[in-house]
Amino acid sequence: MILEIATLDVIPGQEAAFEADFKIAQQYIVQIDGYQWHELRRCIERQNRYVLLVGWRDLESHTIGFRGSPQYQDWKRLLHHYYDPFPTVEHFAKAIHP
């Protein structure tokens, strides 16, 4: 499993609208082959900062499957105008296995 971590800085004052549109947009990501789960968390210290955590089967499920899909176009249309600056997105693999 690959963990995607995206740091999302939302334009101040647009947090409520972003959260409402995210509730709609999340239907698009769950349709993608290789998607496993997601969680959106809001920063306590910086109210306009969020972190999006997404579990993917493999890197390509996100980078090719989702980003190359029609669903991603709908995701972008709903969410990308909220970000300033554009999000940092990184992928992580488990380093230590119990």
Protein backbone atom coordinates (compact mmCIF):
# COMPACT_ATOMS: atom_id res chain seq x y z
CA MET A 1 0.00 0.00 0.00
CA ILE A 2 1.17 3.52 -0.85
CA LEU A 3 0.19 6.50 1.27
CA GLU A 4 -0.38 9.77 -0.56
CA ILE A 5 -0.02 12.87 1.61
CA ALA A 6 -1.16 16.18 0.14
CA THR A 7 -0.75 19.42 2.06
CA LEU A 8 -3.60 21.71 1.06
CA ASP A 9 -3.45 25.44 1.84
CA VAL A 10 -6.92 26.84 1.20
CA ILE A 11 -7.39 30.55 0.53
CA PRO A 12 -8.34 32.05 3.93
CA GLY A 13 -12.08 32.55 4.33
CA GLN A 14 -12.93 29.78 1.85
CA GLU A 15 -12.62 26.84 4.24
CA ALA A 16 -16.37 26.16 4.57
CA ALA A 17 -16.90 26.23 0.80
CA PHE A 18 -13.85 23.99 0.29
CA GLU A 19 -15.15 21.44 2.80
CA ALA A 20 -18.60 21.45 1.15
CA ASP A 21 -17.07 20.89 -2.30
CA PHE A 22 -14.71 18.23 -0.94
CA LYS A 23 -17.75 16.27 0.29
CA ILE A 24 -18.94 16.22 -3.33
CA ALA A 25 -15.50 15.62 -4.88
CA GLN A 26 -14.69 12.59 -2.76
CA GLN A 27 -17.18 10.55 -4.79
CA TYR A 28 -14.77 10.78 -7.72
CA ILE A 29 -11.68 9.40 -6.01
CA VAL A 30 -13.45 6.37 -4.54
CA GLN A 31 -14.34 5.17 -8.07
CA ILE A 32 -10.72 4.63 -9.08
CA ASP A 33 -9.23 1.13 -9.29
CA GLY A 34 -6.54 0.85 -6.63
CA TYR A 35 -8.14 3.39 -4.27
CA GLN A 36 -8.33 2.03 -0.71
CA TRP A 37 -9.31 4.85 1.66
CA HIS A 38 -8.98 8.56 2.31
CA GLU A 39 -9.15 11.05 5.15
CA LEU A 40 -9.15 14.85 5.21
CA ARG A 41 -7.80 16.55 8.35
CA ARG A 42 -7.80 20.23 9.24
CA CYS A 43 -4.82 21.85 10.98
CA ILE A 44 -5.47 23.21 14.46
CA GLU A 45 -2.79 25.91 14.33
CA ARG A 46 -3.50 27.08 10.77
CA GLN A 47 -7.24 26.91 10.12
CA ASN A 48 -6.83 27.14 6.35
CA ARG A 49 -4.37 24.20 6.12
CA TYR A 50 -5.52 20.64 5.51
CA VAL A 51 -3.80 17.36 4.93
CA LEU A 52 -5.34 14.78 2.62
CA LEU A 53 -4.30 11.20 3.28
CA VAL A 54 -5.11 8.60 0.62
CA GLY A 55 -4.28 4.92 0.63
CA TRP A 56 -3.56 3.47 -2.82
CA ARG A 57 -2.76 -0.10 -3.85
CA ASP A 58 0.29 1.19 -5.74
CA LEU A 59 1.77 4.46 -7.00
CA GLU A 60 0.34 4.04 -10.50
CA SER A 61 -3.22 3.83 -9.15
CA HIS A 62 -2.83 7.48 -8.18
CA THR A 63 -0.41 8.92 -10.72
CA ILE A 64 -1.85 7.18 -13.79
CA GLY A 65 -5.23 5.76 -12.76
CA PHE A 66 -6.66 8.77 -10.95
CA ARG A 67 -4.78 11.65 -12.55
CA GLY A 68 -5.47 10.24 -16.01
CA SER A 69 -9.18 9.71 -15.40
CA PRO A 70 -12.26 11.76 -16.27
CA GLN A 71 -13.03 11.76 -12.53
CA TYR A 72 -9.84 13.73 -11.90
CA GLN A 73 -11.09 16.46 -14.24
CA ASP A 74 -14.23 16.79 -12.09
CA TRP A 75 -12.07 16.74 -8.92
CA LYS A 76 -9.89 19.55 -10.31
CA ARG A 77 -12.91 21.61 -11.35
CA LEU A 78 -14.37 21.42 -7.85
CA LEU A 79 -11.23 21.84 -5.74
CA HIS A 80 -8.17 23.28 -7.41
CA HIS A 81 -9.30 26.92 -7.34
CA TYR A 82 -9.23 26.86 -3.51
CA TYR A 83 -5.47 26.31 -3.21
CA ASP A 84 -2.78 28.93 -2.73
CA PRO A 85 -0.09 27.79 -3.24
CA PHE A 86 -0.77 24.63 -5.22
CA PRO A 87 -0.56 21.52 -2.97
CA THR A 88 2.55 19.53 -2.27
CA VAL A 89 1.81 15.86 -2.96
CA GLU A 90 4.15 13.07 -1.87
CA HIS A 91 3.90 9.28 -1.75
CA PHE A 92 5.16 7.07 1.04
CA ALA A 93 5.87 3.35 1.38
CA LYS A 94 6.04 1.52 4.70
CA ALA A 95 9.65 1.55 5.91
CA ILE A 96 9.39 -0.85 8.84
CA HIS A 97 7.16 -3.89 8.87
CA PRO A 98 6.12 -5.39 12.23
